[in-house]
């Protein structure tokens, strides 16, 4: 059985993609582009927002650094009041009550912890990694390796949990187990050790 759950934040614990897509769509439109919402969503889930901005920036002559700053400025307005998925906090509590550990791995800055604190969930985590540590982004294994070393976690009973293929790839690259949250039915990570369609399917994997 698993013991340590390393959680992605956006799209896994929190339903933040609707706001993210509004911000990204506005950026595209304001820069003379056109987009199909379903296609934009699928592209960003199967790759990343940064990869999309890199490609789009090359088309319009703006750097990815510039576009990322623009996107994050726009996204802040949409993401102030994001909510966790309905069962997310109960799942975190269940893993902790069973003797497991929750850890966070997010590309967000410290704002992720503020959101968790607002929802009285920060104390459900042993610790985590956010953008303030400036570690290489997923699918690089560095953030997971940092957590393994920092908290003396056994990789054999540790799982990376996320809603994108790159979350799973980061776990594979770090030598831990992987759980793909197929929240949108894209079935985009067949390489995962486990696939779940609902978060409440996860705690049974951690019962000791």
Protein backbone atom coordinates (compact mmCIF):
# COMPACT_ATOMS: atom_id res chain seq x y z
CA UNK A 1 0.00 0.00 0.00
CA UNK A 2 1.01 3.61 -0.56
CA UNK A 3 1.89 6.03 2.25
CA UNK A 4 2.95 9.37 0.76
CA UNK A 5 0.72 11.34 -1.63
CA UNK A 6 2.38 14.12 -3.63
CA UNK A 7 -0.43 16.26 -5.02
CA UNK A 8 -0.58 18.55 -8.00
CA UNK A 9 -2.71 21.62 -7.22
CA UNK A 10 -4.45 23.09 -10.28
CA UNK A 11 -6.89 20.70 -11.90
CA UNK A 12 -6.25 17.97 -9.34
CA UNK A 13 -7.20 19.40 -5.95
CA UNK A 14 -8.69 22.69 -7.16
CA UNK A 15 -11.07 23.35 -10.04
CA UNK A 16 -9.01 26.21 -11.44
CA UNK A 17 -8.99 25.45 -15.17
CA UNK A 18 -12.18 27.40 -16.04
CA UNK A 19 -10.54 30.59 -14.77
CA UNK A 20 -7.22 29.71 -16.35
CA UNK A 21 -8.89 29.21 -19.73
CA UNK A 22 -10.68 32.57 -19.46
CA UNK A 23 -7.37 34.31 -18.79
CA UNK A 24 -5.57 32.45 -21.57
CA UNK A 25 -8.39 33.01 -24.05
CA UNK A 26 -8.43 36.74 -23.32
CA UNK A 27 -4.67 36.89 -23.86
CA UNK A 28 -4.99 35.15 -27.23
CA UNK A 29 -7.84 37.38 -28.38
CA UNK A 30 -6.16 40.59 -27.25
CA UNK A 31 -3.08 39.62 -29.24
CA UNK A 32 -5.03 39.10 -32.45
CA UNK A 33 -5.40 35.36 -32.18
CA UNK A 34 -8.41 33.08 -32.37
CA UNK A 35 -9.11 29.96 -30.33
CA UNK A 36 -11.53 27.12 -29.81
CA UNK A 37 -12.08 26.64 -26.07
CA UNK A 38 -12.20 22.84 -26.19
CA UNK A 39 -9.05 22.67 -28.30
CA UNK A 40 -7.25 25.18 -26.08
CA UNK A 41 -8.16 23.19 -22.97
CA UNK A 42 -7.00 19.92 -24.48
CA UNK A 43 -3.73 21.44 -25.69
CA UNK A 44 -2.85 22.90 -22.30
CA UNK A 45 -3.78 19.69 -20.48
CA UNK A 46 -1.80 17.47 -22.83
CA UNK A 47 1.25 19.76 -22.80
CA UNK A 48 1.32 22.87 -20.61
CA UNK A 49 0.32 26.52 -20.62
CA UNK A 50 3.98 27.46 -20.93
CA UNK A 51 4.35 25.30 -24.03
CA UNK A 52 1.25 26.87 -25.55
CA UNK A 53 2.57 30.36 -24.82
CA UNK A 54 5.93 29.45 -26.34
CA UNK A 55 4.26 28.39 -29.59
CA UNK A 56 1.84 31.32 -29.62
CA UNK A 57 4.63 33.77 -28.83
CA UNK A 58 6.63 32.57 -31.82
CA UNK A 59 3.60 33.27 -34.02
CA UNK A 60 3.06 36.83 -32.79
CA UNK A 61 6.62 37.86 -31.99
CA UNK A 62 6.41 38.01 -28.19
CA UNK A 63 8.71 36.19 -25.79
CA UNK A 64 7.37 33.42 -23.58
CA UNK A 65 8.63 35.36 -20.55
CA UNK A 66 6.55 38.37 -21.56
CA UNK A 67 3.49 36.26 -22.29
CA UNK A 68 3.77 34.33 -19.03
CA UNK A 69 3.82 37.59 -17.07
CA UNK A 70 0.79 38.79 -19.05
CA UNK A 71 -1.05 35.52 -18.44
CA UNK A 72 -0.37 35.44 -14.69
CA UNK A 73 -1.55 39.04 -14.36
CA UNK A 74 -4.80 38.17 -16.11
CA UNK A 75 -5.25 34.87 -14.27
CA UNK A 76 -4.96 36.49 -10.84
CA UNK A 77 -8.36 38.11 -11.31
CA UNK A 78 -10.02 34.79 -12.14
CA UNK A 79 -8.29 32.60 -9.57
CA UNK A 80 -8.88 34.53 -6.36
CA UNK A 81 -11.97 32.54 -5.45
CA UNK A 82 -11.25 29.09 -6.85
CA UNK A 83 -12.72 26.17 -4.97
CA UNK A 84 -11.45 22.66 -4.30
CA UNK A 85 -13.21 19.81 -6.03
CA UNK A 86 -16.13 18.71 -3.82
CA UNK A 87 -14.39 15.67 -2.34
CA UNK A 88 -10.79 16.96 -2.38
CA UNK A 89 -10.51 18.05 1.25
CA UNK A 90 -12.23 14.90 2.53
CA UNK A 91 -9.76 12.82 0.53
CA UNK A 92 -6.80 14.71 2.02
CA UNK A 93 -8.22 14.16 5.51
CA UNK A 94 -8.79 10.48 4.83
CA UNK A 95 -5.20 9.90 3.76
CA UNK A 96 -3.88 11.71 6.82
CA UNK A 97 -6.25 9.88 9.18
CA UNK A 98 -5.05 6.56 7.76
CA UNK A 99 -1.49 7.41 8.73
CA UNK A 100 -0.43 8.69 5.32
CA UNK A 101 1.23 11.96 4.35
CA UNK A 102 0.03 14.63 1.92
CA UNK A 103 2.60 16.79 0.14
CA UNK A 104 2.12 19.56 -2.42
CA UNK A 105 3.90 20.02 -5.74
CA UNK A 106 2.75 23.09 -7.63
CA UNK A 107 4.09 25.52 -10.21
CA UNK A 108 2.23 28.26 -8.35
CA UNK A 109 4.01 30.54 -5.91
CA UNK A 110 3.18 30.71 -2.19
CA UNK A 111 -0.38 31.73 -3.10
CA UNK A 112 -1.27 28.03 -3.21
CA UNK A 113 -0.62 27.78 0.52
CA UNK A 114 -2.77 30.85 1.16
CA UNK A 115 -5.64 29.24 -0.73
CA UNK A 116 -5.24 26.02 1.25
CA UNK A 117 -5.12 27.98 4.51
CA UNK A 118 -8.31 29.82 3.57
CA UNK A 119 -10.00 26.44 3.18
CA UNK A 120 -8.49 25.17 6.46
CA UNK A 121 -6.49 22.58 4.55
CA UNK A 122 -2.87 23.71 4.88
CA UNK A 123 -2.40 21.64 8.03
CA UNK A 124 -3.32 18.50 6.09
CA UNK A 125 0.08 18.70 4.36
CA UNK A 126 3.46 17.59 5.64
CA UNK A 127 5.11 20.12 3.31
CA UNK A 128 5.63 20.79 -0.35
CA UNK A 129 7.27 22.53 -3.27
CA UNK A 130 6.07 25.72 -4.94
CA UNK A 131 7.52 28.11 -7.50
CA UNK A 132 9.39 30.06 -4.83
CA UNK A 133 11.99 27.26 -4.69
CA UNK A 134 12.69 27.79 -8.41
CA UNK A 135 13.21 24.10 -9.16
CA UNK A 136 12.90 22.76 -12.73
CA UNK A 137 9.28 22.29 -13.77
CA UNK A 138 7.53 18.98 -14.33
CA UNK A 139 8.15 16.57 -15.99
CA UNK A 140 11.64 17.08 -14.55
CA UNK A 141 11.98 14.94 -11.39
CA UNK A 142 13.78 17.57 -9.30
CA UNK A 143 10.81 18.71 -7.20
CA UNK A 144 9.81 15.17 -6.30
CA UNK A 145 13.42 14.27 -5.55
CA UNK A 146 13.61 17.32 -3.28
CA UNK A 147 10.55 16.11 -1.35
CA UNK A 148 11.89 12.57 -1.09
CA UNK A 149 15.13 13.85 0.42
CA UNK A 150 13.66 16.66 2.53
CA UNK A 151 11.09 14.43 4.24
CA UNK A 152 12.95 11.10 4.01
CA UNK A 153 10.21 9.45 1.96
CA UNK A 154 10.44 5.92 0.62
CA UNK A 155 9.90 6.11 -3.17
CA UNK A 156 8.35 2.63 -3.20
CA UNK A 157 5.36 3.84 -1.15
CA UNK A 158 5.17 7.37 -2.56
CA UNK A 159 2.87 8.43 -5.41
CA UNK A 160 2.69 11.51 -7.60
CA UNK A 161 -0.96 12.42 -8.23
CA UNK A 162 -2.01 14.70 -11.05
CA UNK A 163 -4.44 15.40 -13.87
CA UNK A 164 -1.90 15.67 -16.69
CA UNK A 165 0.51 13.34 -18.41
CA UNK A 166 3.43 15.54 -17.35
CA UNK A 167 2.53 14.96 -13.68
CA UNK A 168 2.74 11.24 -14.30
CA UNK A 169 5.98 11.60 -16.26
CA UNK A 170 7.51 13.58 -13.39
CA UNK A 171 6.68 10.73 -11.03
CA UNK A 172 8.10 8.13 -13.38
CA UNK A 173 11.27 10.18 -13.82
CA UNK A 174 11.65 10.40 -10.04
CA UNK A 175 11.11 6.68 -9.50
CA UNK A 176 7.84 6.91 -7.54
CA UNK A 177 4.40 5.44 -8.18
CA UNK A 178 1.94 7.48 -10.22
CA UNK A 179 -1.81 8.14 -10.06
CA UNK A 180 -3.51 9.85 -12.99
CA UNK A 181 -6.71 11.74 -12.13
CA UNK A 182 -8.76 11.43 -15.31
CA UNK A 183 -10.96 14.36 -14.33
CA UNK A 184 -11.90 15.34 -17.87
CA UNK A 185 -12.02 11.94 -19.57
CA UNK A 186 -9.02 12.63 -21.80
CA UNK A 187 -7.33 9.34 -20.83
CA UNK A 188 -4.04 11.12 -21.47
CA UNK A 189 -1.69 9.12 -19.23
CA UNK A 190 -1.83 5.39 -19.98
CA UNK A 191 1.69 5.11 -18.52
CA UNK A 192 0.40 5.75 -14.97
CA UNK A 193 0.43 2.98 -12.36
CA UNK A 194 -3.16 3.84 -11.44
CA UNK A 195 -5.92 5.79 -13.15
CA UNK A 196 -8.92 7.14 -11.24
CA UNK A 197 -11.96 9.02 -12.48
CA UNK A 198 -12.91 10.30 -9.01
CA UNK A 199 -10.71 11.54 -6.16
CA UNK A 200 -12.50 9.32 -3.65
CA UNK A 201 -10.97 6.30 -5.40
CA UNK A 202 -7.55 7.34 -4.07
CA UNK A 203 -7.68 6.80 -0.26
CA UNK A 204 -8.18 3.01 -0.57
CA UNK A 205 -4.77 2.89 -2.27
CA UNK A 206 -3.27 4.34 0.92
CA UNK A 207 -4.89 2.13 3.55
CA UNK A 208 -2.27 0.39 5.67
